[in-house]
Amino acid sequence: MKVDKFPNRIIEKDKEDYLYFGGTAYLGLPANAEFQNILIKNILIWGSSYGSSRNANIKLMAYENGESFLAKSIKSEASLTVSSGMLAGKIVIATLDFQTDCFFHFPNTHTAIKTPNSLPFFIGTELNPRLLDDLKEKITILTDAVPSFQVKSIDLSFLKLIPNNKEITLVVDESHSLGIVGENGCGIYSSIDYLNIKRKIMLASLGKAFGLTGGVIASDFEFIKQIAANEVFVSSAGMNPAFAQTIPDAKQIYIGQHQKLKDNLKYLKDHLTESKAFSFNKNYPIIYPENENSAETFAAHKIIITNFKYPTATKDLNRIVITANHRKEDLDKIIHILNHS
């Protein structure tokens, strides 16, 4: 389905208006006029792009402003922006490859942090025995904060079972949690507190909740220093500086839109009847209907949801995405269909 303008809460199909419950604009920012005005102002100051290396002799304050804000929001020591979430993942993996003896991955880990030599964290329902052996080594564990087809943050309590002879680095992809879960949308990074983790690293696409093309990596000062020295980072152009400056400038909009999203989720929680026909969590803006024909069912009610073949799944991904811009009357239509499914 091709469209000729950004789909906010309404999308046009065959010259008719449909409600849109798809995409990843959780805070509804790409269509937010106030947010757009801040972005336009910054384009006039910082230009439409900046193709130089971040390590060149000219340093744009827009990057420092954006990264300081992100580090404070995520509650990390430092952060660094790059041009995409995918690049953020690849640079993190490339940097860790030289200091990791063995990688392990949780189920359905996103492509951004996949590495060919990684071992599964679980064998069936049990911890991989390789994590429990007596070998003294440095391991890196890879996971999404909220994996696909789930509506709750990943359970990391299994990390406590790993013995102290394993030096653990944890990498969490927060593309679908940053700006959404936690205090003011801080994500899960700051809540991860296990004594046997030596280093934790988060990365995320900023093109989801934050509404800006780019990616972020956050961790301790030393690791961010390593990322800044990585040859891929040094030889790449940075995130659009106008976008980087818009991040701190739009602080109050993020807070307001996050509250609107929470209000919409509470409304759903208060009116949806709990059912095995769909997965819903009052703290997360995605509903997964179990019926594989859900896209057709909703389309018959003039509602478009996300539907596509997901790389790590055996079935099509059907996803109802709630945003801060949806109105109560929009939600009522979703509620009616789900309560009668």
Protein backbone atom coordinates (compact mmCIF):
# COMPACT_ATOMS: atom_id res chain seq x y z
CA MET A 1 0.00 0.00 0.00
CA LYS A 2 1.55 3.28 -1.13
CA VAL A 3 0.69 6.64 0.43
CA ASP A 4 1.68 10.19 -0.51
CA LYS A 5 1.94 11.74 2.95
CA PHE A 6 2.90 10.70 6.46
CA PRO A 7 0.24 8.44 8.02
CA ASN A 8 -0.69 9.90 11.38
CA ARG A 9 -3.93 8.59 12.93
CA ILE A 10 -5.65 8.72 9.53
CA ILE A 11 -4.41 7.07 6.34
CA GLU A 12 -6.00 7.29 2.89
CA LYS A 13 -6.68 4.09 0.94
CA ASP A 14 -8.54 4.05 -2.38
CA LYS A 15 -9.57 7.68 -1.74
CA GLU A 16 -11.17 6.72 1.58
CA ASP A 17 -10.02 7.54 5.11
CA TYR A 18 -8.97 4.67 7.36
CA LEU A 19 -7.81 4.78 10.97
CA TYR A 20 -4.11 3.99 11.20
CA PHE A 21 -2.79 1.84 14.03
CA GLY A 22 0.58 0.95 12.57
CA GLY A 23 4.13 2.24 12.28
CA THR A 24 6.43 3.06 15.19
CA ALA A 25 5.71 6.75 15.89
CA TYR A 26 4.68 5.93 19.46
CA LEU A 27 4.79 9.54 20.68
CA GLY A 28 3.16 10.86 17.49
CA LEU A 29 5.99 13.31 16.87
CA PRO A 30 6.48 13.25 13.07
CA ALA A 31 3.01 14.82 12.63
CA ASN A 32 3.22 17.11 15.67
CA ALA A 33 3.18 20.74 14.47
CA GLU A 34 5.08 22.13 17.47
CA PHE A 35 7.75 19.45 17.09
CA GLN A 36 8.01 20.16 13.35
CA ASN A 37 8.50 23.87 14.03
CA ILE A 38 11.43 23.14 16.36
CA LEU A 39 12.96 20.87 13.73
CA ILE A 40 12.51 23.46 10.97
CA LYS A 41 14.11 26.13 13.16
CA ASN A 42 17.12 23.88 13.70
CA ILE A 43 17.44 23.08 9.99
CA LEU A 44 17.68 26.82 9.36
CA ILE A 45 20.51 26.99 11.93
CA TRP A 46 22.35 23.70 11.29
CA GLY A 47 21.49 23.00 7.65
CA SER A 48 19.89 19.96 6.08
CA SER A 49 22.89 17.65 6.63
CA TYR A 50 26.54 17.60 7.66
CA GLY A 51 28.70 15.06 5.88
CA SER A 52 31.95 15.48 7.80
CA SER A 53 33.42 12.99 10.27
CA ARG A 54 32.60 13.62 13.92
CA ASN A 55 36.37 13.46 14.59
CA ALA A 56 37.18 16.34 12.22
CA ASN A 57 38.62 19.59 13.60
CA ILE A 58 35.24 21.39 13.44
CA LYS A 59 32.92 20.24 16.26
CA LEU A 60 29.21 21.07 16.10
CA MET A 61 27.70 21.85 19.49
CA ALA A 62 24.40 20.34 18.32
CA TYR A 63 25.85 16.86 18.87
CA GLU A 64 27.11 17.62 22.36
CA ASN A 65 23.75 19.16 23.28
CA GLY A 66 21.77 16.20 22.01
CA GLU A 67 24.05 13.56 23.49
CA SER A 68 24.19 15.20 26.91
CA PHE A 69 20.39 15.29 26.96
CA LEU A 70 20.10 11.65 25.90
CA ALA A 71 22.62 10.47 28.51
CA LYS A 72 20.72 12.31 31.21
CA SER A 73 17.38 10.92 29.99
CA ILE A 74 18.68 7.34 29.75
CA LYS A 75 20.56 7.76 33.06
CA SER A 76 23.89 6.67 31.63
CA GLU A 77 27.34 8.20 32.07
CA ALA A 78 27.59 9.14 28.40
CA SER A 79 25.98 8.67 24.99
CA LEU A 80 26.91 9.04 21.34
CA THR A 81 24.62 9.52 18.33
CA VAL A 82 25.02 7.96 14.90
CA SER A 83 23.02 8.12 11.68
CA SER A 84 20.77 5.11 12.41
CA GLY A 85 19.85 2.52 15.00
CA MET A 86 21.15 -0.22 12.72
CA LEU A 87 24.55 1.47 12.50
CA ALA A 88 24.55 1.89 16.29
CA GLY A 89 24.16 -1.86 16.67
CA LYS A 90 26.82 -2.73 14.12
CA ILE A 91 29.38 -0.36 15.67
CA VAL A 92 28.72 -1.75 19.16
CA ILE A 93 29.18 -5.33 17.95
CA ALA A 94 32.33 -4.42 15.98
CA THR A 95 33.81 -2.74 19.06
CA LEU A 96 32.98 -5.65 21.37
CA ASP A 97 34.21 -8.30 18.92
CA PHE A 98 37.81 -7.63 19.92
CA GLN A 99 37.13 -7.94 23.65
CA THR A 100 34.63 -10.81 23.78
CA ASP A 101 35.48 -14.52 23.96
CA CYS A 102 31.91 -15.63 23.32
CA PHE A 103 28.62 -13.95 22.36
CA PHE A 104 25.19 -15.18 23.50
CA HIS A 105 21.81 -13.96 22.27
CA PHE A 106 18.28 -14.04 23.68
CA PRO A 107 15.49 -15.33 21.39
CA ASN A 108 14.29 -12.99 18.59
CA THR A 109 17.23 -10.63 18.95
CA HIS A 110 17.06 -7.84 16.35
CA THR A 111 19.31 -7.96 13.30
CA ALA A 112 21.09 -4.78 14.45
CA ILE A 113 22.90 -6.67 17.21
CA LYS A 114 23.18 -10.09 15.64
CA THR A 115 26.60 -11.61 15.09
CA PRO A 116 27.24 -14.88 13.21
CA ASN A 117 29.29 -16.53 15.96
CA SER A 118 26.73 -15.94 18.74
CA LEU A 119 25.31 -18.86 20.75
CA PRO A 120 21.69 -19.09 22.01
CA PHE A 121 21.23 -17.96 25.61
CA PHE A 122 18.64 -20.72 26.09
CA ILE A 123 18.61 -24.31 24.93
CA GLY A 124 14.92 -25.10 25.01
CA THR A 125 13.73 -23.59 28.28
CA GLU A 126 17.04 -24.01 30.12
CA LEU A 127 20.10 -21.80 30.29
CA ASN A 128 22.75 -22.77 27.76
CA PRO A 129 25.15 -25.08 29.69
CA ARG A 130 28.01 -23.18 28.08
CA LEU A 131 27.10 -20.25 30.36
CA LEU A 132 27.47 -22.40 33.45
CA ASP A 133 30.78 -24.14 32.84
CA ASP A 134 34.07 -23.48 34.68
CA LEU A 135 35.78 -21.67 31.80
CA LYS A 136 36.98 -18.22 32.78
CA GLU A 137 36.12 -15.85 29.93
CA LYS A 138 34.60 -12.58 28.80
CA ILE A 139 31.09 -12.98 27.41
CA THR A 140 28.67 -10.55 25.78
CA ILE A 141 24.93 -11.13 26.03
CA LEU A 142 22.66 -9.60 23.36
CA THR A 143 18.95 -8.90 23.76
CA ASP A 144 16.09 -6.61 22.80
CA ALA A 145 14.51 -4.70 25.67
CA VAL A 146 11.06 -5.72 24.39
CA PRO A 147 11.34 -8.54 21.84
CA SER A 148 8.95 -8.81 18.90
CA PHE A 149 5.59 -10.43 19.70
CA GLN A 150 6.03 -9.49 23.38
CA VAL A 151 4.46 -6.62 25.33
CA LYS A 152 6.65 -6.71 28.43
CA SER A 153 10.31 -5.91 29.03
CA ILE A 154 12.67 -8.86 28.79
CA ASP A 155 13.18 -10.93 31.96
CA LEU A 156 16.88 -10.61 32.75
CA SER A 157 16.77 -12.39 36.11
CA PHE A 158 18.44 -15.42 34.50
CA LEU A 159 21.67 -13.41 34.50
CA LYS A 160 21.94 -14.05 38.24
CA LEU A 161 22.48 -17.75 37.52
CA ILE A 162 25.69 -17.17 35.57
CA PRO A 163 28.79 -17.87 37.72
CA ASN A 164 31.44 -15.26 38.50
CA ASN A 165 34.04 -16.85 36.23
CA LYS A 166 32.12 -15.25 33.35
CA GLU A 167 32.79 -11.52 32.92
CA ILE A 168 29.49 -10.23 31.54
CA THR A 169 28.84 -7.39 29.13
CA LEU A 170 25.14 -6.86 28.43
CA VAL A 171 23.93 -5.19 25.23
CA VAL A 172 20.28 -4.13 25.09
CA ASP A 173 18.51 -2.84 21.97
CA GLU A 174 16.00 -0.28 23.25
CA SER A 175 14.58 0.84 19.91
CA HIS A 176 11.06 -0.09 21.06
CA SER A 177 11.39 0.92 24.72
CA LEU A 178 13.28 4.24 24.76
CA GLY A 179 10.75 7.04 25.01
CA ILE A 180 8.04 4.58 26.03
CA VAL A 181 8.74 2.57 29.18
CA GLY A 182 10.26 3.78 32.45
CA GLU A 183 10.14 7.20 34.07
CA ASN A 184 9.41 9.77 31.34
CA GLY A 185 10.31 7.07 28.81
CA CYS A 186 13.89 6.55 30.02
CA GLY A 187 13.84 2.90 28.91
CA ILE A 188 15.09 -0.08 30.94
CA TYR A 189 18.85 0.67 30.98
CA SER A 190 18.89 2.38 34.36
CA SER A 191 16.79 -0.37 35.99
CA ILE A 192 19.24 -3.15 35.09
CA ASP A 193 21.19 -3.79 38.28
CA TYR A 194 22.89 -7.17 38.58
CA LEU A 195 26.15 -7.47 40.50
CA ASN A 196 27.69 -9.89 38.01
CA ILE A 197 27.35 -7.50 35.05
CA LYS A 198 30.64 -5.69 34.48
CA ARG A 199 29.34 -3.41 31.73
CA LYS A 200 25.92 -2.62 30.29
CA ILE A 201 25.34 -0.94 26.94
CA MET A 202 22.13 0.26 25.36
CA LEU A 203 21.52 1.29 21.80
CA ALA A 204 18.37 2.44 20.06
CA SER A 205 16.91 3.87 16.92
CA LEU A 206 15.72 7.43 17.44
CA GLY A 207 13.34 7.04 14.52
CA LYS A 208 10.67 5.36 16.66
CA ALA A 209 9.42 7.24 19.74
CA PHE A 210 11.81 10.18 19.30
CA GLY A 211 10.62 10.84 15.75
CA LEU A 212 14.07 11.62 14.30
CA THR A 213 16.29 9.66 11.93
CA GLY A 214 19.33 8.55 13.90
CA GLY A 215 20.61 6.19 16.54
CA VAL A 216 22.08 6.39 20.03
CA ILE A 217 24.58 4.34 22.02
CA ALA A 218 24.74 4.84 25.80
CA SER A 219 27.05 3.31 28.40
CA ASP A 220 29.91 4.25 30.72
CA PHE A 221 32.46 6.94 29.74
CA GLU A 222 35.18 4.44 28.82
CA PHE A 223 33.03 2.43 26.41
CA ILE A 224 31.66 5.54 24.68
CA LYS A 225 35.26 6.67 24.27
CA GLN A 226 35.98 3.35 22.55
CA ILE A 227 33.00 3.83 20.23
CA ALA A 228 34.23 7.33 19.30
CA ALA A 229 37.57 5.79 18.29
CA ASN A 230 36.02 2.96 16.26
CA GLU A 231 37.04 3.21 12.59
CA VAL A 232 33.44 2.86 11.39
CA PHE A 233 32.33 5.77 13.59
CA VAL A 234 35.34 7.89 12.62
CA SER A 235 34.76 7.33 8.90
CA SER A 236 30.98 7.86 9.01
CA ALA A 237 29.02 11.09 8.81
CA GLY A 238 27.07 11.79 11.96
CA MET A 239 23.39 12.09 12.64
CA ASN A 240 21.81 15.16 11.07
CA PRO A 241 22.91 17.96 13.48
CA ALA A 242 19.52 19.68 13.20
CA PHE A 243 17.95 16.45 14.44
CA ALA A 244 20.51 16.17 17.25
CA GLN A 245 19.71 19.69 18.48
CA THR A 246 15.98 19.07 18.24
CA ILE A 247 16.23 16.30 20.85
CA PRO A 248 16.96 18.62 23.83
CA ASP A 249 14.89 21.46 22.38
CA ALA A 250 11.77 19.24 22.31
CA LYS A 251 12.05 18.10 25.94
CA GLN A 252 8.66 19.42 27.03
CA ILE A 253 6.96 17.97 23.97
CA TYR A 254 8.37 14.52 24.76
CA ILE A 255 7.04 14.76 28.30
CA GLY A 256 3.59 15.89 27.15
CA GLN A 257 3.28 13.29 24.40
CA HIS A 258 4.47 10.55 26.75
CA GLN A 259 1.69 11.46 29.17
CA LYS A 260 -0.88 11.37 26.35
CA LEU A 261 0.35 7.91 25.41
CA LYS A 262 0.03 6.74 29.02
CA ASP A 263 -3.50 8.15 29.15
CA ASN A 264 -4.43 6.24 25.99
CA LEU A 265 -3.02 3.02 27.42
CA LYS A 266 -4.94 3.50 30.66
CA TYR A 267 -8.13 4.03 28.64
CA LEU A 268 -7.51 0.75 26.84
CA LYS A 269 -6.77 -1.03 30.09
CA ASP A 270 -10.03 0.24 31.60
CA HIS A 271 -12.17 -0.82 28.63
CA LEU A 272 -10.57 -3.90 27.09
CA THR A 273 -11.81 -7.28 28.27
CA GLU A 274 -8.90 -9.57 29.03
CA SER A 275 -8.73 -12.32 26.42
CA LYS A 276 -6.45 -14.98 24.96
CA ALA A 277 -7.31 -13.55 21.54
CA PHE A 278 -4.72 -10.78 21.95
CA SER A 279 -1.71 -9.73 24.02
CA PHE A 280 -1.86 -6.36 25.76
CA ASN A 281 0.06 -4.71 28.59
CA LYS A 282 -1.17 -1.43 30.07
CA ASN A 283 2.39 -0.07 30.04
CA TYR A 284 3.19 -0.81 26.40
CA PRO A 285 1.64 0.66 23.21
CA ILE A 286 1.40 -2.50 21.12
CA ILE A 287 -1.37 -5.10 20.94
CA TYR A 288 -0.70 -8.43 19.25
CA PRO A 289 -3.86 -10.13 18.00
CA GLU A 290 -3.59 -13.92 17.77
CA ASN A 291 -5.73 -14.29 14.65
CA GLU A 292 -3.42 -14.51 11.62
CA ASN A 293 -6.11 -12.82 9.51
CA SER A 294 -6.29 -9.80 11.81
CA ALA A 295 -5.11 -7.35 9.15
CA GLU A 296 -8.04 -8.28 6.92
CA THR A 297 -10.48 -8.18 9.85
CA PHE A 298 -9.47 -4.66 10.85
CA ALA A 299 -9.35 -3.47 7.24
CA ALA A 300 -13.00 -4.50 6.91
CA HIS A 301 -13.68 -2.00 9.71
CA LYS A 302 -11.63 0.67 7.89
CA ILE A 303 -8.64 0.29 10.19
CA ILE A 304 -5.08 -0.38 8.99
CA ILE A 305 -2.68 -2.17 11.34
CA THR A 306 0.94 -3.24 10.82
CA ASN A 307 1.28 -6.46 8.85
CA PHE A 308 4.45 -7.91 7.33
CA LYS A 309 6.77 -10.90 7.38
CA TYR A 310 9.20 -10.41 10.26
CA PRO A 311 12.73 -11.83 9.66
CA THR A 312 13.00 -13.71 12.98
CA ALA A 313 9.42 -15.02 13.08
CA THR A 314 7.74 -18.05 11.50
CA LYS A 315 4.45 -16.19 10.98
CA ASP A 316 3.37 -12.76 9.76
CA LEU A 317 3.64 -9.96 12.28
CA ASN A 318 0.25 -8.40 13.02
CA ARG A 319 0.65 -5.45 15.34
CA ILE A 320 -1.80 -2.80 16.58
CA VAL A 321 0.25 0.27 17.47
CA ILE A 322 -1.15 2.88 19.85
CA THR A 323 0.27 6.40 19.64
CA ALA A 324 -0.08 9.58 21.65
CA ASN A 325 -2.11 11.08 18.80
CA HIS A 326 -4.95 8.57 18.86
CA ARG A 327 -8.25 9.88 20.18
CA LYS A 328 -10.69 8.14 22.48
CA GLU A 329 -13.10 7.56 19.60
CA ASP A 330 -10.29 5.84 17.68
CA LEU A 331 -9.54 3.60 20.64
CA ASP A 332 -13.23 2.77 21.05
CA LYS A 333 -13.25 1.15 17.60
CA ILE A 334 -10.24 -1.01 18.47
CA ILE A 335 -11.82 -1.90 21.82
CA HIS A 336 -15.10 -2.93 20.16
CA ILE A 337 -13.36 -5.27 17.68
CA LEU A 338 -11.05 -6.86 20.24
CA ASN A 339 -13.78 -7.32 22.85
CA HIS A 340 -15.85 -9.22 20.29
CA SER A 341 -13.00 -11.28 18.85
